[in-house]
Amino acid sequence: MPYIADEAKRDTHLHLVAKYAVDAIGALISPAAGDVRANVFGLTQTRDGLVCVESSRKKKPSPFLAGEAETREALEFLSSGERIVLYHDLSKSRPASWGRQNQTGYKSFMSVPIAAPDPDSHDGELKVYGMVSIDAAAVDVFSTNDEHVAELVADLVATAFAIDDATAHNA
């Protein structure tokens, strides 16, 4: 992502990169996964919520709002250092904050942090910018290769987020 001083143009460019990311996931994910929804979420400026930057669906998922149980759980995952969270069958296992019902209509999902080396860290810590999530309409469909695709795309998108963040702080 090139250096773009204008915030509005930078935001537009970041959305474009996120759009390419969700399109790449759709093209690279295993056909066995069937109908998938790929999303790129970015942390809010206050880092206490997440908003959907781009989705492979016209209707973007709702934001993760500050203070909500689902948001706290997502932020805990992002700060845990784990590379992936994967639920193969949401009827058997799902995030605790979802309660007893799966309200998304999807039957499995995975999420991967969008993180890049923190330029302010001297010990190689990562700075988290958001997450890539992939939802599938069927159970038990994600392969190890699909996990690698999600991680690769998240790493590539992290570069764009990091450049955007550095540009915003140096503008």
C-alpha atoms as a PDB file:
ATOM      1  CA  MET A   1       0.000   0.000   0.000  1.00  0.00           C
ATOM      2  CA  PRO A   2       1.591   3.267  -1.045  1.00  0.00           C
ATOM      3  CA  TYR A   3       2.129   6.292   1.165  1.00  0.00           C
ATOM      4  CA  ILE A   4      -1.104   8.301   0.973  1.00  0.00           C
ATOM      5  CA  ALA A   5      -1.236  11.404   3.154  1.00  0.00           C
ATOM      6  CA  ASP A   6      -4.942  12.135   2.636  1.00  0.00           C
ATOM      7  CA  GLU A   7      -6.947  10.173   5.244  1.00  0.00           C
ATOM      8  CA  ALA A   8     -10.048   9.717   3.060  1.00  0.00           C
ATOM      9  CA  LYS A   9      -7.978   8.386   0.152  1.00  0.00           C
ATOM     10  CA  ARG A  10      -6.028   6.133   2.540  1.00  0.00           C
ATOM     11  CA  ASP A  11      -9.301   4.755   3.929  1.00  0.00           C
ATOM     12  CA  THR A  12     -10.592   4.096   0.401  1.00  0.00           C
ATOM     13  CA  HIS A  13      -7.372   2.299  -0.468  1.00  0.00           C
ATOM     14  CA  LEU A  14      -7.537   0.152   2.693  1.00  0.00           C
ATOM     15  CA  HIS A  15     -11.110  -0.853   1.786  1.00  0.00           C
ATOM     16  CA  LEU A  16      -9.876  -1.830  -1.684  1.00  0.00           C
ATOM     17  CA  VAL A  17      -7.126  -4.022  -0.215  1.00  0.00           C
ATOM     18  CA  ALA A  18      -9.698  -5.628   2.115  1.00  0.00           C
ATOM     19  CA  LYS A  19     -12.006  -6.249  -0.868  1.00  0.00           C
ATOM     20  CA  TYR A  20      -9.196  -8.020  -2.722  1.00  0.00           C
ATOM     21  CA  ALA A  21      -8.559 -10.065   0.440  1.00  0.00           C
ATOM     22  CA  VAL A  22     -12.132 -11.363   0.758  1.00  0.00           C
ATOM     23  CA  ASP A  23     -12.183 -12.086  -2.983  1.00  0.00           C
ATOM     24  CA  ALA A  24      -8.915 -14.049  -2.654  1.00  0.00           C
ATOM     25  CA  ILE A  25     -10.346 -16.098   0.194  1.00  0.00           C
ATOM     26  CA  GLY A  26     -13.386 -16.948  -1.917  1.00  0.00           C
ATOM     27  CA  ALA A  27     -11.123 -18.067  -4.762  1.00  0.00           C
ATOM     28  CA  LEU A  28      -8.623 -20.003  -2.651  1.00  0.00           C
ATOM     29  CA  ILE A  29     -10.725 -21.689   0.013  1.00  0.00           C
ATOM     30  CA  SER A  30     -11.480 -25.368  -0.531  1.00  0.00           C
ATOM     31  CA  PRO A  31     -14.552 -26.033  -2.696  1.00  0.00           C
ATOM     32  CA  ALA A  32     -15.638 -28.467   0.045  1.00  0.00           C
ATOM     33  CA  ALA A  33     -16.315 -25.422   2.252  1.00  0.00           C
ATOM     34  CA  GLY A  34     -19.192 -24.555  -0.075  1.00  0.00           C
ATOM     35  CA  ASP A  35     -20.871 -21.218   0.432  1.00  0.00           C
ATOM     36  CA  VAL A  36     -18.505 -19.107   2.551  1.00  0.00           C
ATOM     37  CA  ARG A  37     -18.617 -15.546   3.818  1.00  0.00           C
ATOM     38  CA  ALA A  38     -15.240 -13.877   4.245  1.00  0.00           C
ATOM     39  CA  ASN A  39     -14.864 -10.705   6.328  1.00  0.00           C
ATOM     40  CA  VAL A  40     -12.077  -8.317   7.209  1.00  0.00           C
ATOM     41  CA  PHE A  41     -12.656  -6.607  10.563  1.00  0.00           C
ATOM     42  CA  GLY A  42     -10.611  -3.672  11.808  1.00  0.00           C
ATOM     43  CA  LEU A  43     -10.209  -2.532  15.397  1.00  0.00           C
ATOM     44  CA  THR A  44     -11.915   0.727  16.269  1.00  0.00           C
ATOM     45  CA  GLN A  45      -9.685   3.728  17.028  1.00  0.00           C
ATOM     46  CA  THR A  46     -10.253   3.147  20.739  1.00  0.00           C
ATOM     47  CA  ARG A  47      -9.328  -0.556  20.240  1.00  0.00           C
ATOM     48  CA  ASP A  48     -12.404  -1.687  22.195  1.00  0.00           C
ATOM     49  CA  GLY A  49     -14.513  -2.861  19.250  1.00  0.00           C
ATOM     50  CA  LEU A  50     -14.319  -4.165  15.692  1.00  0.00           C
ATOM     51  CA  VAL A  51     -15.998  -2.961  12.501  1.00  0.00           C
ATOM     52  CA  CYS A  52     -16.329  -4.824   9.238  1.00  0.00           C
ATOM     53  CA  VAL A  53     -14.057  -3.137   6.707  1.00  0.00           C
ATOM     54  CA  GLU A  54     -15.118  -5.468   3.907  1.00  0.00           C
ATOM     55  CA  SER A  55     -17.226  -8.573   3.405  1.00  0.00           C
ATOM     56  CA  SER A  56     -17.762 -10.976   0.549  1.00  0.00           C
ATOM     57  CA  ARG A  57     -21.494 -10.395   1.071  1.00  0.00           C
ATOM     58  CA  LYS A  58     -23.412  -7.214   0.277  1.00  0.00           C
ATOM     59  CA  LYS A  59     -24.776  -7.136   3.820  1.00  0.00           C
ATOM     60  CA  LYS A  60     -21.830  -6.703   6.136  1.00  0.00           C
ATOM     61  CA  PRO A  61     -21.916  -8.349   9.556  1.00  0.00           C
ATOM     62  CA  SER A  62     -22.755  -6.169  12.536  1.00  0.00           C
ATOM     63  CA  PRO A  63     -19.873  -4.477  14.346  1.00  0.00           C
ATOM     64  CA  PHE A  64     -18.470  -5.823  17.589  1.00  0.00           C
ATOM     65  CA  LEU A  65     -19.512  -3.053  19.984  1.00  0.00           C
ATOM     66  CA  ALA A  66     -17.518  -2.021  23.046  1.00  0.00           C
ATOM     67  CA  GLY A  67     -18.621  -3.715  26.250  1.00  0.00           C
ATOM     68  CA  GLU A  68     -20.583  -6.572  24.660  1.00  0.00           C
ATOM     69  CA  ALA A  69     -19.725 -10.158  25.648  1.00  0.00           C
ATOM     70  CA  GLU A  70     -19.071 -11.224  22.043  1.00  0.00           C
ATOM     71  CA  THR A  71     -16.714  -8.254  21.614  1.00  0.00           C
ATOM     72  CA  ARG A  72     -14.817  -9.041  24.807  1.00  0.00           C
ATOM     73  CA  GLU A  73     -14.388 -12.633  23.650  1.00  0.00           C
ATOM     74  CA  ALA A  74     -13.130 -11.545  20.210  1.00  0.00           C
ATOM     75  CA  LEU A  75     -10.687  -9.057  21.763  1.00  0.00           C
ATOM     76  CA  GLU A  76      -9.435 -11.713  24.207  1.00  0.00           C
ATOM     77  CA  PHE A  77      -8.716 -13.987  21.243  1.00  0.00           C
ATOM     78  CA  LEU A  78      -6.890 -11.196  19.420  1.00  0.00           C
ATOM     79  CA  SER A  79      -4.722 -10.407  22.440  1.00  0.00           C
ATOM     80  CA  SER A  80      -4.040 -14.084  23.260  1.00  0.00           C
ATOM     81  CA  GLY A  81      -1.338 -14.570  20.651  1.00  0.00           C
ATOM     82  CA  GLU A  82      -3.211 -17.531  19.164  1.00  0.00           C
ATOM     83  CA  ARG A  83      -2.912 -17.745  15.373  1.00  0.00           C
ATOM     84  CA  ILE A  84      -6.395 -19.106  14.726  1.00  0.00           C
ATOM     85  CA  VAL A  85      -9.701 -19.937  16.351  1.00  0.00           C
ATOM     86  CA  LEU A  86     -11.692 -22.598  14.538  1.00  0.00           C
ATOM     87  CA  TYR A  87     -15.149 -24.017  15.210  1.00  0.00           C
ATOM     88  CA  HIS A  88     -15.867 -27.007  12.975  1.00  0.00           C
ATOM     89  CA  ASP A  89     -19.476 -27.511  14.097  1.00  0.00           C
ATOM     90  CA  LEU A  90     -21.290 -24.661  15.834  1.00  0.00           C
ATOM     91  CA  SER A  91     -24.075 -27.006  16.965  1.00  0.00           C
ATOM     92  CA  LYS A  92     -21.523 -28.816  19.172  1.00  0.00           C
ATOM     93  CA  SER A  93     -19.126 -26.044  20.148  1.00  0.00           C
ATOM     94  CA  ARG A  94     -19.305 -22.279  19.812  1.00  0.00           C
ATOM     95  CA  PRO A  95     -17.973 -19.146  21.463  1.00  0.00           C
ATOM     96  CA  ALA A  96     -19.248 -18.868  25.044  1.00  0.00           C
ATOM     97  CA  SER A  97     -20.723 -15.424  24.363  1.00  0.00           C
ATOM     98  CA  TRP A  98     -23.096 -16.873  21.768  1.00  0.00           C
ATOM     99  CA  GLY A  99     -25.171 -18.571  24.427  1.00  0.00           C
ATOM    100  CA  ARG A 100     -27.325 -21.471  23.334  1.00  0.00           C
ATOM    101  CA  GLN A 101     -28.169 -20.264  19.832  1.00  0.00           C
ATOM    102  CA  ASN A 102     -26.203 -19.696  16.675  1.00  0.00           C
ATOM    103  CA  GLN A 103     -27.838 -16.605  15.232  1.00  0.00           C
ATOM    104  CA  THR A 104     -25.628 -16.300  12.155  1.00  0.00           C
ATOM    105  CA  GLY A 105     -27.036 -19.203  10.174  1.00  0.00           C
ATOM    106  CA  TYR A 106     -23.496 -20.421   9.492  1.00  0.00           C
ATOM    107  CA  LYS A 107     -22.413 -23.828  10.760  1.00  0.00           C
ATOM    108  CA  SER A 108     -18.654 -23.377  11.108  1.00  0.00           C
ATOM    109  CA  PHE A 109     -16.169 -20.540  11.186  1.00  0.00           C
ATOM    110  CA  MET A 110     -12.587 -19.551  11.717  1.00  0.00           C
ATOM    111  CA  SER A 111     -10.923 -16.289  12.624  1.00  0.00           C
ATOM    112  CA  VAL A 112      -7.309 -15.209  12.268  1.00  0.00           C
ATOM    113  CA  PRO A 113      -5.747 -12.038  13.706  1.00  0.00           C
ATOM    114  CA  ILE A 114      -4.555  -9.292  11.396  1.00  0.00           C
ATOM    115  CA  ALA A 115      -1.223  -8.462  13.036  1.00  0.00           C
ATOM    116  CA  ALA A 116       2.151  -7.061  11.989  1.00  0.00           C
ATOM    117  CA  PRO A 117       5.389  -6.274  13.808  1.00  0.00           C
ATOM    118  CA  ASP A 118       4.886  -3.299  16.120  1.00  0.00           C
ATOM    119  CA  PRO A 119       7.314  -0.545  15.072  1.00  0.00           C
ATOM    120  CA  ASP A 120       7.311   0.768  18.669  1.00  0.00           C
ATOM    121  CA  SER A 121       8.332  -2.609  20.103  1.00  0.00           C
ATOM    122  CA  HIS A 122      11.971  -3.546  20.489  1.00  0.00           C
ATOM    123  CA  ASP A 123      11.304  -7.220  21.160  1.00  0.00           C
ATOM    124  CA  GLY A 124       9.353  -8.171  18.027  1.00  0.00           C
ATOM    125  CA  GLU A 125       5.873  -7.921  19.485  1.00  0.00           C
ATOM    126  CA  LEU A 126       2.989  -7.851  17.061  1.00  0.00           C
ATOM    127  CA  LYS A 127       0.455  -5.051  16.846  1.00  0.00           C
ATOM    128  CA  VAL A 128      -3.064  -6.333  16.188  1.00  0.00           C
ATOM    129  CA  TYR A 129      -5.195  -4.386  13.712  1.00  0.00           C
ATOM    130  CA  GLY A 130      -8.232  -6.650  13.410  1.00  0.00           C
ATOM    131  CA  MET A 131      -9.159 -10.108  12.167  1.00  0.00           C
ATOM    132  CA  VAL A 132     -10.138 -12.098   9.112  1.00  0.00           C
ATOM    133  CA  SER A 133     -13.143 -14.346   9.645  1.00  0.00           C
ATOM    134  CA  ILE A 134     -14.536 -17.019   7.366  1.00  0.00           C
ATOM    135  CA  ASP A 135     -17.991 -18.495   7.896  1.00  0.00           C
ATOM    136  CA  ALA A 136     -19.242 -21.646   6.164  1.00  0.00           C
ATOM    137  CA  ALA A 137     -22.776 -22.929   5.650  1.00  0.00           C
ATOM    138  CA  ALA A 138     -21.716 -26.531   6.321  1.00  0.00           C
ATOM    139  CA  VAL A 139     -20.023 -28.303   9.244  1.00  0.00           C
ATOM    140  CA  ASP A 140     -16.499 -29.702   9.340  1.00  0.00           C
ATOM    141  CA  VAL A 141     -15.459 -28.273   5.978  1.00  0.00           C
ATOM    142  CA  PHE A 142     -12.274 -26.323   6.676  1.00  0.00           C
ATOM    143  CA  SER A 143      -9.027 -28.073   5.812  1.00  0.00           C
ATOM    144  CA  THR A 144      -5.519 -27.339   7.023  1.00  0.00           C
ATOM    145  CA  ASN A 145      -4.940 -25.649   3.658  1.00  0.00           C
ATOM    146  CA  ASP A 146      -7.943 -23.391   4.331  1.00  0.00           C
ATOM    147  CA  GLU A 147      -6.365 -22.407   7.645  1.00  0.00           C
ATOM    148  CA  HIS A 148      -3.153 -21.537   5.790  1.00  0.00           C
ATOM    149  CA  VAL A 149      -5.109 -19.445   3.267  1.00  0.00           C
ATOM    150  CA  ALA A 150      -6.765 -17.503   6.094  1.00  0.00           C
ATOM    151  CA  GLU A 151      -3.408 -16.912   7.811  1.00  0.00           C
ATOM    152  CA  LEU A 152      -1.722 -15.844   4.565  1.00  0.00           C
ATOM    153  CA  VAL A 153      -4.474 -13.387   3.662  1.00  0.00           C
ATOM    154  CA  ALA A 154      -4.495 -11.976   7.211  1.00  0.00           C
ATOM    155  CA  ASP A 155      -0.722 -11.464   7.026  1.00  0.00           C
ATOM    156  CA  LEU A 156      -0.997  -9.683   3.688  1.00  0.00           C
ATOM    157  CA  VAL A 157      -3.817  -7.444   4.888  1.00  0.00           C
ATOM    158  CA  ALA A 158      -1.775  -6.706   8.026  1.00  0.00           C
ATOM    159  CA  THR A 159       0.833  -5.003   5.860  1.00  0.00           C
ATOM    160  CA  ALA A 160      -1.790  -2.614   4.494  1.00  0.00           C
ATOM    161  CA  PHE A 161      -3.144  -1.897   7.991  1.00  0.00           C
ATOM    162  CA  ALA A 162       0.395  -1.309   9.310  1.00  0.00           C
ATOM    163  CA  ILE A 163       1.249   1.107   6.499  1.00  0.00           C
ATOM    164  CA  ASP A 164      -2.057   2.901   7.042  1.00  0.00           C
ATOM    165  CA  ASP A 165      -1.369   3.130  10.779  1.00  0.00           C
ATOM    166  CA  ALA A 166       2.189   4.408  10.284  1.00  0.00           C
ATOM    167  CA  THR A 167       1.049   6.953   7.708  1.00  0.00           C
ATOM    168  CA  ALA A 168      -1.733   8.197   9.995  1.00  0.00           C
ATOM    169  CA  HIS A 169       0.719   8.674  12.865  1.00  0.00           C
ATOM    170  CA  ASN A 170       3.278  10.447  10.670  1.00  0.00           C
ATOM    171  CA  ALA A 171       0.820  12.717   8.886  1.00  0.00           C
END
